[in-house]
Amino acid sequence: MELTLKLNARLQPKHRFDLEDALQEILEKEQMGEVAGGGTAQNPDGEIAYCDIEIHLVDDNLDHVKWLAELLNKMGIPKGSVLQGIEPEIEVGTLEGLAYYSNGADLPDEVYETCDINYVIEQMEQAMEGIGSMYSYWEGPVYTALYFYGSSFAEMKKKIEPFIASYPLCQKSHMEQIA
């Protein structure tokens, strides 16, 4: 049976490969199938829109499809993801997503000279510990997007807001829920 996991995740290919590899390992171990490929869709501005992973199951047994759906939920993928190739499609995903957009063009030069996006990532992950973590990023002409997934968008946002309010590089940034 050929299935497509349409991931409501903004993952660069190298980060999608990590998920594909983990899924492949489990499918092989359980002799249930294999990962047959994947792709990343982009918006017109180049930002990642979603990803997909092609999955080949060894047979058409609906219990195996249910097993796969349960596995995906345990692995931790974003809400709004869909297992396609069967009718009806199966919604999967347990994680909520937060996109943080750091302004890379409109702040004073001294802010960019004295601040570091890696420090921002470190502080945000520390604040979100146990709730969420960064899965991927995207660098655009004006904004750098950091994509975090976790148990609660509201909690992740609440945990990082004090840091955002205090760090100069976080001026003129914005956040949105993506899953």
N, C-alpha and C. Protein backbone atom coordinates (compact mmCIF):
# COMPACT_ATOMS: atom_id res chain seq x y z
N MET A 1 0.85 -1.17 0.00
CA MET A 1 0.00 0.00 0.00
C MET A 1 0.89 1.23 0.00
N GLU A 2 0.59 2.16 -0.89
CA GLU A 2 1.35 3.41 -0.99
C GLU A 2 0.60 4.53 -0.27
N LEU A 3 1.27 5.16 0.69
CA LEU A 3 0.68 6.24 1.47
C LEU A 3 1.58 7.46 1.43
N THR A 4 0.99 8.61 1.63
CA THR A 4 1.75 9.86 1.75
C THR A 4 1.40 10.50 3.08
N LEU A 5 2.43 10.78 3.85
CA LEU A 5 2.26 11.54 5.08
C LEU A 5 2.50 13.00 4.72
N LYS A 6 1.43 13.79 4.67
CA LYS A 6 1.56 15.22 4.42
C LYS A 6 1.74 15.88 5.79
N LEU A 7 2.95 16.31 6.03
CA LEU A 7 3.33 16.88 7.32
C LEU A 7 3.04 18.37 7.38
N ASN A 8 2.28 18.77 8.36
CA ASN A 8 2.05 20.19 8.61
C ASN A 8 3.26 20.70 9.40
N ALA A 9 4.42 20.58 8.76
CA ALA A 9 5.68 20.93 9.41
C ALA A 9 6.55 21.72 8.44
N ARG A 10 7.18 22.73 8.96
CA ARG A 10 8.08 23.55 8.16
C ARG A 10 9.50 23.08 8.42
N LEU A 11 9.88 22.01 7.71
CA LEU A 11 11.18 21.40 7.90
C LEU A 11 12.02 21.52 6.64
N GLN A 12 13.24 21.97 6.80
CA GLN A 12 14.18 21.91 5.69
C GLN A 12 14.39 20.43 5.35
N PRO A 13 14.78 20.14 4.11
CA PRO A 13 15.00 18.73 3.76
C PRO A 13 15.91 17.99 4.74
N LYS A 14 17.00 18.62 5.19
CA LYS A 14 17.91 17.92 6.10
C LYS A 14 17.23 17.56 7.43
N HIS A 15 16.26 18.34 7.86
CA HIS A 15 15.54 18.04 9.09
C HIS A 15 14.43 17.02 8.84
N ARG A 16 13.84 17.05 7.65
CA ARG A 16 12.85 16.04 7.27
C ARG A 16 13.52 14.67 7.18
N PHE A 17 14.78 14.65 6.70
CA PHE A 17 15.51 13.38 6.58
C PHE A 17 15.64 12.70 7.93
N ASP A 18 15.83 13.48 9.00
CA ASP A 18 15.94 12.89 10.34
C ASP A 18 14.66 12.12 10.69
N LEU A 19 13.51 12.70 10.39
CA LEU A 19 12.24 12.03 10.65
C LEU A 19 12.09 10.81 9.74
N GLU A 20 12.45 10.95 8.48
CA GLU A 20 12.38 9.82 7.54
C GLU A 20 13.23 8.66 8.03
N ASP A 21 14.45 8.96 8.49
CA ASP A 21 15.36 7.91 8.97
C ASP A 21 14.79 7.20 10.19
N ALA A 22 14.24 7.94 11.13
CA ALA A 22 13.65 7.33 12.32
C ALA A 22 12.46 6.45 11.94
N LEU A 23 11.63 6.93 11.03
CA LEU A 23 10.48 6.16 10.58
C LEU A 23 10.93 4.91 9.83
N GLN A 24 11.92 5.05 8.98
CA GLN A 24 12.45 3.90 8.22
C GLN A 24 12.96 2.82 9.16
N GLU A 25 13.67 3.23 10.18
CA GLU A 25 14.22 2.27 11.14
C GLU A 25 13.12 1.45 11.81
N ILE A 26 12.05 2.11 12.21
CA ILE A 26 10.94 1.40 12.87
C ILE A 26 10.20 0.51 11.87
N LEU A 27 9.93 1.03 10.68
CA LEU A 27 9.23 0.22 9.67
C LEU A 27 10.02 -1.04 9.33
N GLU A 28 11.34 -0.92 9.20
CA GLU A 28 12.19 -2.09 8.91
C GLU A 28 12.17 -3.07 10.07
N LYS A 29 12.35 -2.56 11.28
CA LYS A 29 12.40 -3.42 12.47
C LYS A 29 11.11 -4.22 12.61
N GLU A 30 9.98 -3.56 12.37
CA GLU A 30 8.68 -4.23 12.51
C GLU A 30 8.25 -4.97 11.23
N GLN A 31 9.08 -4.89 10.19
CA GLN A 31 8.80 -5.52 8.90
C GLN A 31 7.44 -5.10 8.35
N MET A 32 7.17 -3.79 8.47
CA MET A 32 5.88 -3.23 8.04
C MET A 32 5.97 -2.48 6.72
N GLY A 33 7.18 -2.13 6.30
CA GLY A 33 7.30 -1.37 5.06
C GLY A 33 8.56 -0.55 5.03
N GLU A 34 8.51 0.55 4.25
CA GLU A 34 9.68 1.39 4.11
C GLU A 34 9.30 2.80 3.71
N VAL A 35 10.22 3.72 3.94
CA VAL A 35 10.08 5.09 3.46
C VAL A 35 10.54 5.08 2.01
N ALA A 36 9.69 5.59 1.13
CA ALA A 36 9.99 5.53 -0.31
C ALA A 36 10.43 6.88 -0.88
N GLY A 37 10.44 7.93 -0.07
CA GLY A 37 10.85 9.25 -0.56
C GLY A 37 10.19 10.35 0.23
N GLY A 38 10.39 11.57 -0.22
CA GLY A 38 9.80 12.71 0.46
C GLY A 38 10.06 13.99 -0.31
N GLY A 39 9.44 15.05 0.15
CA GLY A 39 9.61 16.33 -0.52
C GLY A 39 9.27 17.48 0.41
N THR A 40 9.65 18.66 -0.02
CA THR A 40 9.39 19.88 0.72
C THR A 40 8.75 20.90 -0.21
N ALA A 41 7.60 21.41 0.16
CA ALA A 41 6.91 22.43 -0.64
C ALA A 41 7.22 23.80 -0.07
N GLN A 42 7.39 24.77 -0.97
CA GLN A 42 7.72 26.12 -0.55
C GLN A 42 6.65 27.10 -1.02
N ASN A 43 6.47 28.16 -0.24
CA ASN A 43 5.64 29.29 -0.65
C ASN A 43 6.39 30.07 -1.73
N PRO A 44 5.70 30.98 -2.43
CA PRO A 44 6.37 31.79 -3.47
C PRO A 44 7.60 32.56 -2.96
N ASP A 45 7.60 32.95 -1.68
CA ASP A 45 8.75 33.69 -1.13
C ASP A 45 9.90 32.77 -0.72
N GLY A 46 9.71 31.46 -0.87
CA GLY A 46 10.76 30.51 -0.54
C GLY A 46 10.61 29.87 0.83
N GLU A 47 9.73 30.42 1.67
CA GLU A 47 9.54 29.81 2.99
C GLU A 47 8.88 28.45 2.84
N ILE A 48 9.25 27.55 3.69
CA ILE A 48 8.70 26.20 3.67
C ILE A 48 7.22 26.25 4.02
N ALA A 49 6.40 25.54 3.24
CA ALA A 49 4.95 25.48 3.49
C ALA A 49 4.58 24.20 4.22
N TYR A 50 5.08 23.07 3.72
CA TYR A 50 4.82 21.76 4.33
C TYR A 50 5.79 20.75 3.73
N CYS A 51 5.78 19.55 4.26
CA CYS A 51 6.62 18.46 3.76
C CYS A 51 5.74 17.24 3.53
N ASP A 52 6.27 16.30 2.78
CA ASP A 52 5.59 15.01 2.71
C ASP A 52 6.62 13.89 2.71
N ILE A 53 6.16 12.74 3.17
CA ILE A 53 6.99 11.53 3.21
C ILE A 53 6.17 10.42 2.57
N GLU A 54 6.74 9.78 1.57
CA GLU A 54 6.10 8.66 0.88
C GLU A 54 6.42 7.39 1.66
N ILE A 55 5.39 6.61 1.97
CA ILE A 55 5.55 5.40 2.77
C ILE A 55 4.94 4.22 2.01
N HIS A 56 5.70 3.15 1.93
CA HIS A 56 5.21 1.91 1.32
C HIS A 56 5.00 0.90 2.45
N LEU A 57 3.73 0.50 2.67
CA LEU A 57 3.43 -0.57 3.63
C LEU A 57 3.41 -1.90 2.87
N VAL A 58 3.79 -2.98 3.55
CA VAL A 58 3.92 -4.27 2.88
C VAL A 58 2.61 -4.85 2.36
N ASP A 59 1.47 -4.40 2.92
CA ASP A 59 0.19 -4.91 2.42
C ASP A 59 -0.91 -3.88 2.65
N ASP A 60 -2.12 -4.24 2.28
CA ASP A 60 -3.27 -3.33 2.37
C ASP A 60 -4.09 -3.50 3.66
N ASN A 61 -3.52 -4.14 4.66
CA ASN A 61 -4.21 -4.39 5.91
C ASN A 61 -4.48 -3.07 6.64
N LEU A 62 -5.76 -2.78 6.89
CA LEU A 62 -6.12 -1.52 7.55
C LEU A 62 -5.60 -1.45 8.98
N ASP A 63 -5.38 -2.59 9.63
CA ASP A 63 -4.78 -2.59 10.96
C ASP A 63 -3.36 -2.04 10.91
N HIS A 64 -2.67 -2.30 9.80
CA HIS A 64 -1.31 -1.78 9.65
C HIS A 64 -1.34 -0.26 9.45
N VAL A 65 -2.35 0.23 8.77
CA VAL A 65 -2.50 1.68 8.60
C VAL A 65 -2.78 2.33 9.96
N LYS A 66 -3.65 1.70 10.75
CA LYS A 66 -3.93 2.23 12.09
C LYS A 66 -2.68 2.21 12.96
N TRP A 67 -1.90 1.13 12.85
CA TRP A 67 -0.63 1.02 13.58
C TRP A 67 0.29 2.17 13.20
N LEU A 68 0.38 2.46 11.89
CA LEU A 68 1.22 3.55 11.41
C LEU A 68 0.74 4.89 11.96
N ALA A 69 -0.55 5.12 11.95
CA ALA A 69 -1.10 6.38 12.48
C ALA A 69 -0.75 6.54 13.96
N GLU A 70 -0.88 5.47 14.73
CA GLU A 70 -0.54 5.52 16.16
C GLU A 70 0.95 5.77 16.35
N LEU A 71 1.77 5.13 15.52
CA LEU A 71 3.22 5.32 15.58
C LEU A 71 3.57 6.79 15.32
N LEU A 72 2.98 7.36 14.30
CA LEU A 72 3.27 8.76 13.96
C LEU A 72 2.91 9.69 15.11
N ASN A 73 1.78 9.43 15.76
CA ASN A 73 1.39 10.25 16.91
C ASN A 73 2.38 10.11 18.06
N LYS A 74 2.90 8.90 18.27
CA LYS A 74 3.88 8.68 19.33
C LYS A 74 5.22 9.34 19.01
N MET A 75 5.56 9.38 17.71
CA MET A 75 6.84 9.97 17.30
C MET A 75 6.85 11.48 17.50
N GLY A 76 5.68 12.08 17.50
CA GLY A 76 5.59 13.51 17.69
C GLY A 76 5.69 14.28 16.39
N ILE A 77 4.57 14.41 15.72
CA ILE A 77 4.50 15.24 14.52
C ILE A 77 3.41 16.29 14.73
N PRO A 78 3.45 17.37 13.97
CA PRO A 78 2.51 18.47 14.19
C PRO A 78 1.05 18.14 13.87
N LYS A 79 0.16 18.72 14.66
CA LYS A 79 -1.27 18.65 14.39
C LYS A 79 -1.53 19.18 12.98
N GLY A 80 -2.56 18.66 12.34
CA GLY A 80 -2.88 19.11 10.99
C GLY A 80 -2.18 18.29 9.92
N SER A 81 -1.38 17.30 10.33
CA SER A 81 -0.76 16.40 9.37
C SER A 81 -1.79 15.36 8.95
N VAL A 82 -1.63 14.78 7.75
CA VAL A 82 -2.63 13.86 7.21
C VAL A 82 -1.94 12.68 6.54
N LEU A 83 -2.47 11.50 6.82
CA LEU A 83 -2.02 10.28 6.14
C LEU A 83 -2.94 10.09 4.94
N GLN A 84 -2.38 10.25 3.74
CA GLN A 84 -3.16 10.20 2.51
C GLN A 84 -2.89 8.90 1.76
N GLY A 85 -3.82 8.57 0.86
CA GLY A 85 -3.68 7.37 0.05
C GLY A 85 -4.72 6.33 0.41
N ILE A 86 -5.52 6.66 1.41
CA ILE A 86 -6.66 5.83 1.81
C ILE A 86 -7.86 6.74 1.99
N GLU A 87 -9.02 6.14 1.92
CA GLU A 87 -10.26 6.91 2.13
C GLU A 87 -10.97 6.36 3.34
N PRO A 88 -11.36 7.16 4.29
CA PRO A 88 -11.01 8.58 4.37
C PRO A 88 -9.56 8.76 4.82
N GLU A 89 -9.00 9.92 4.52
CA GLU A 89 -7.67 10.24 5.00
C GLU A 89 -7.68 10.25 6.53
N ILE A 90 -6.52 10.01 7.11
CA ILE A 90 -6.43 9.95 8.57
C ILE A 90 -5.63 11.15 9.07
N GLU A 91 -6.26 11.96 9.91
CA GLU A 91 -5.54 13.08 10.53
C GLU A 91 -4.65 12.54 11.64
N VAL A 92 -3.40 13.00 11.64
CA VAL A 92 -2.44 12.59 12.66
C VAL A 92 -1.73 13.83 13.19
N GLY A 93 -1.05 13.66 14.29
CA GLY A 93 -0.27 14.76 14.86
C GLY A 93 -0.77 15.16 16.23
N THR A 94 0.18 15.43 17.10
CA THR A 94 -0.14 15.81 18.48
C THR A 94 0.53 17.12 18.89
N LEU A 95 1.49 17.58 18.10
CA LEU A 95 2.27 18.75 18.50
C LEU A 95 1.69 20.05 17.93
N GLU A 96 1.86 21.12 18.67
CA GLU A 96 1.52 22.46 18.20
C GLU A 96 2.80 23.15 17.76
N GLY A 97 2.67 24.09 16.84
CA GLY A 97 3.85 24.74 16.29
C GLY A 97 3.86 26.24 16.51
N LEU A 98 5.06 26.77 16.70
CA LEU A 98 5.27 28.19 16.87
C LEU A 98 6.37 28.61 15.90
N ALA A 99 6.06 29.57 15.05
CA ALA A 99 7.08 30.16 14.18
C ALA A 99 7.45 31.52 14.76
N TYR A 100 8.73 31.69 15.00
CA TYR A 100 9.27 32.96 15.49
C TYR A 100 10.05 33.60 14.34
N TYR A 101 9.70 34.83 13.99
CA TYR A 101 10.33 35.53 12.88
C TYR A 101 11.21 36.66 13.42
N SER A 102 12.52 36.49 13.29
CA SER A 102 13.49 37.49 13.73
C SER A 102 13.77 38.45 12.57
N ASN A 103 13.65 39.73 12.85
CA ASN A 103 13.87 40.75 11.82
C ASN A 103 15.36 40.89 11.55
N GLY A 104 15.75 40.64 10.32
CA GLY A 104 17.16 40.69 9.96
C GLY A 104 17.54 41.88 9.11
N ALA A 105 16.66 42.90 9.02
CA ALA A 105 16.96 44.01 8.12
C ALA A 105 16.66 45.39 8.70
N ASP A 106 15.77 45.49 9.67
CA ASP A 106 15.26 46.80 10.08
C ASP A 106 15.76 47.30 11.44
N LEU A 107 16.72 46.62 12.03
CA LEU A 107 17.26 47.05 13.32
C LEU A 107 18.57 47.81 13.11
N PRO A 108 19.01 48.57 14.09
CA PRO A 108 20.29 49.28 13.96
C PRO A 108 21.45 48.30 13.74
N ASP A 109 22.43 48.68 12.96
CA ASP A 109 23.58 47.82 12.66
C ASP A 109 24.23 47.28 13.92
N GLU A 110 24.33 48.12 14.95
CA GLU A 110 24.99 47.69 16.19
C GLU A 110 24.29 46.49 16.83
N VAL A 111 22.99 46.36 16.65
CA VAL A 111 22.27 45.21 17.20
C VAL A 111 22.75 43.93 16.51
N TYR A 112 22.86 43.98 15.19
CA TYR A 112 23.32 42.80 14.45
C TYR A 112 24.78 42.49 14.73
N GLU A 113 25.57 43.52 15.03
CA GLU A 113 27.00 43.34 15.33
C GLU A 113 27.23 42.76 16.72
N THR A 114 26.33 43.04 17.65
CA THR A 114 26.55 42.63 19.05
C THR A 114 25.66 41.49 19.52
N CYS A 115 24.68 41.10 18.73
CA CYS A 115 23.75 40.03 19.14
C CYS A 115 23.92 38.83 18.22
N ASP A 116 23.42 37.69 18.68
CA ASP A 116 23.62 36.43 17.95
C ASP A 116 22.33 35.61 17.93
N ILE A 117 21.90 35.21 16.74
CA ILE A 117 20.68 34.39 16.61
C ILE A 117 20.85 33.04 17.31
N ASN A 118 22.09 32.54 17.39
CA ASN A 118 22.31 31.28 18.09
C ASN A 118 22.03 31.42 19.58
N TYR A 119 22.30 32.58 20.12
CA TYR A 119 21.98 32.86 21.52
C TYR A 119 20.46 32.89 21.70
N VAL A 120 19.76 33.47 20.73
CA VAL A 120 18.29 33.50 20.76
C VAL A 120 17.76 32.07 20.80
N ILE A 121 18.25 31.22 19.92
CA ILE A 121 17.81 29.82 19.88
C ILE A 121 18.07 29.13 21.21
N GLU A 122 19.28 29.31 21.73
CA GLU A 122 19.66 28.69 23.00
C GLU A 122 18.73 29.12 24.13
N GLN A 123 18.46 30.41 24.22
CA GLN A 123 17.61 30.93 25.29
C GLN A 123 16.16 30.46 25.14
N MET A 124 15.67 30.42 23.91
CA MET A 124 14.29 29.98 23.68
C MET A 124 14.13 28.50 24.00
N GLU A 125 15.09 27.68 23.57
CA GLU A 125 15.00 26.25 23.88
C GLU A 125 15.09 26.01 25.38
N GLN A 126 15.94 26.77 26.05
CA GLN A 126 16.06 26.65 27.50
C GLN A 126 14.74 27.01 28.18
N ALA A 127 14.12 28.09 27.71
CA ALA A 127 12.84 28.53 28.29
C ALA A 127 11.73 27.52 28.03
N MET A 128 11.78 26.84 26.89
CA MET A 128 10.73 25.88 26.51
C MET A 128 11.00 24.47 27.00
N GLU A 129 12.06 24.27 27.73
CA GLU A 129 12.45 22.91 28.13
C GLU A 129 11.26 22.14 28.71
N GLY A 130 11.06 20.95 28.18
CA GLY A 130 9.96 20.11 28.62
C GLY A 130 8.64 20.40 27.93
N ILE A 131 8.59 21.50 27.17
CA ILE A 131 7.35 21.89 26.49
C ILE A 131 7.51 21.83 24.97
N GLY A 132 8.68 22.25 24.47
CA GLY A 132 8.90 22.28 23.04
C GLY A 132 10.36 22.47 22.71
N SER A 133 10.68 22.34 21.41
CA SER A 133 12.05 22.56 20.96
C SER A 133 12.05 22.97 19.48
N MET A 134 13.20 23.45 19.03
CA MET A 134 13.33 23.89 17.65
C MET A 134 13.55 22.68 16.75
N TYR A 135 12.78 22.63 15.66
CA TYR A 135 12.88 21.54 14.70
C TYR A 135 13.59 21.97 13.42
N SER A 136 13.46 23.23 13.03
CA SER A 136 14.04 23.69 11.78
C SER A 136 14.04 25.22 11.75
N TYR A 137 14.50 25.78 10.62
CA TYR A 137 14.54 27.23 10.45
C TYR A 137 14.51 27.54 8.96
N TRP A 138 14.33 28.82 8.66
CA TRP A 138 14.36 29.32 7.29
C TRP A 138 14.93 30.73 7.31
N GLU A 139 15.83 31.02 6.38
CA GLU A 139 16.43 32.35 6.28
C GLU A 139 15.90 33.05 5.03
N GLY A 140 15.11 34.08 5.23
CA GLY A 140 14.56 34.85 4.13
C GLY A 140 15.29 36.17 3.97
N PRO A 141 14.86 36.99 3.03
CA PRO A 141 15.55 38.26 2.78
C PRO A 141 15.40 39.27 3.93
N VAL A 142 14.31 39.22 4.67
CA VAL A 142 14.10 40.15 5.79
C VAL A 142 14.05 39.41 7.12
N TYR A 143 13.40 38.27 7.15
CA TYR A 143 13.21 37.53 8.40
C TYR A 143 13.92 36.18 8.39
N THR A 144 14.38 35.79 9.56
CA THR A 144 14.82 34.42 9.79
C THR A 144 13.75 33.78 10.65
N ALA A 145 13.19 32.68 10.18
CA ALA A 145 12.13 31.99 10.91
C ALA A 145 12.72 30.81 11.68
N LEU A 146 12.34 30.71 12.93
CA LEU A 146 12.70 29.58 13.77
C LEU A 146 11.41 28.80 14.04
N TYR A 147 11.42 27.51 13.77
CA TYR A 147 10.21 26.69 13.90
C TYR A 147 10.34 25.77 15.11
N PHE A 148 9.45 26.01 16.07
CA PHE A 148 9.41 25.21 17.30
C PHE A 148 8.12 24.39 17.31
N TYR A 149 8.23 23.16 17.80
CA TYR A 149 7.05 22.30 17.96
C TYR A 149 7.07 21.75 19.37
N GLY A 150 5.87 21.64 19.95
CA GLY A 150 5.77 21.15 21.31
C GLY A 150 4.34 20.89 21.72
N SER A 151 4.16 20.69 23.00
CA SER A 151 2.85 20.29 23.52
C SER A 151 1.82 21.41 23.51
N SER A 152 2.27 22.68 23.57
CA SER A 152 1.32 23.80 23.65
C SER A 152 1.92 25.07 23.07
N PHE A 153 1.29 25.60 22.02
CA PHE A 153 1.71 26.88 21.45
C PHE A 153 1.67 27.96 22.52
N ALA A 154 0.56 28.05 23.25
CA ALA A 154 0.38 29.10 24.25
C ALA A 154 1.47 29.04 25.32
N GLU A 155 1.81 27.85 25.77
CA GLU A 155 2.86 27.71 26.79
C GLU A 155 4.23 28.06 26.24
N MET A 156 4.53 27.62 25.01
CA MET A 156 5.83 27.95 24.41
C MET A 156 5.96 29.47 24.29
N LYS A 157 4.91 30.10 23.78
CA LYS A 157 4.92 31.55 23.60
C LYS A 157 5.11 32.27 24.94
N LYS A 158 4.36 31.84 25.93
CA LYS A 158 4.44 32.45 27.27
C LYS A 158 5.85 32.33 27.86
N LYS A 159 6.49 31.19 27.64
CA LYS A 159 7.83 30.96 28.20
C LYS A 159 8.91 31.82 27.55
N ILE A 160 8.75 32.13 26.24
CA ILE A 160 9.81 32.90 25.57
C ILE A 160 9.56 34.41 25.55
N GLU A 161 8.35 34.84 25.85
CA GLU A 161 8.04 36.28 25.78
C GLU A 161 8.94 37.15 26.65
N PRO A 162 9.28 36.76 27.89
CA PRO A 162 10.17 37.63 28.68
C PRO A 162 11.54 37.83 28.01
N PHE A 163 12.08 36.76 27.42
CA PHE A 163 13.37 36.90 26.73
C PHE A 163 13.22 37.80 25.51
N ILE A 164 12.18 37.59 24.72
CA ILE A 164 11.96 38.40 23.52
C ILE A 164 11.86 39.89 23.87
N ALA A 165 11.19 40.18 24.97
CA ALA A 165 11.02 41.57 25.39
C ALA A 165 12.34 42.21 25.82
N SER A 166 13.31 41.40 26.22
CA SER A 166 14.54 41.96 26.79
C SER A 166 15.75 41.93 25.86
N TYR A 167 15.73 41.14 24.80
CA TYR A 167 16.94 40.99 23.97
C TYR A 167 16.85 41.87 22.73
N PRO A 168 17.85 42.70 22.48
CA PRO A 168 17.77 43.66 21.36
C PRO A 168 17.50 43.03 19.98
N LEU A 169 18.06 41.85 19.72
CA LEU A 169 17.86 41.23 18.41
C LEU A 169 16.41 40.80 18.18
N CYS A 170 15.64 40.73 19.24
CA CYS A 170 14.24 40.30 19.15
C CYS A 170 13.27 41.46 18.87
N GLN A 171 13.79 42.69 18.76
CA GLN A 171 12.94 43.82 18.42
C GLN A 171 12.36 43.61 17.02
N LYS A 172 11.16 44.09 16.80
CA LYS A 172 10.49 44.02 15.50
C LYS A 172 10.34 42.59 14.99
N SER A 173 10.29 41.65 15.92
CA SER A 173 10.04 40.25 15.56
C SER A 173 8.55 39.97 15.72
N HIS A 174 8.13 38.82 15.24
CA HIS A 174 6.73 38.40 15.47
C HIS A 174 6.66 36.88 15.52
N MET A 175 5.55 36.39 16.06
CA MET A 175 5.31 34.96 16.19
C MET A 175 3.94 34.62 15.63
N GLU A 176 3.81 33.37 15.21
CA GLU A 176 2.49 32.89 14.79
C GLU A 176 2.38 31.40 15.08
N GLN A 177 1.16 30.95 15.28
CA GLN A 177 0.92 29.52 15.48
C GLN A 177 0.87 28.86 14.11
N ILE A 178 1.62 27.76 13.97
CA ILE A 178 1.69 27.08 12.67
C ILE A 178 1.17 25.65 12.73
N ALA A 179 0.79 25.17 13.88
CA ALA A 179 0.19 23.84 14.01
C ALA A 179 -0.55 23.77 15.32
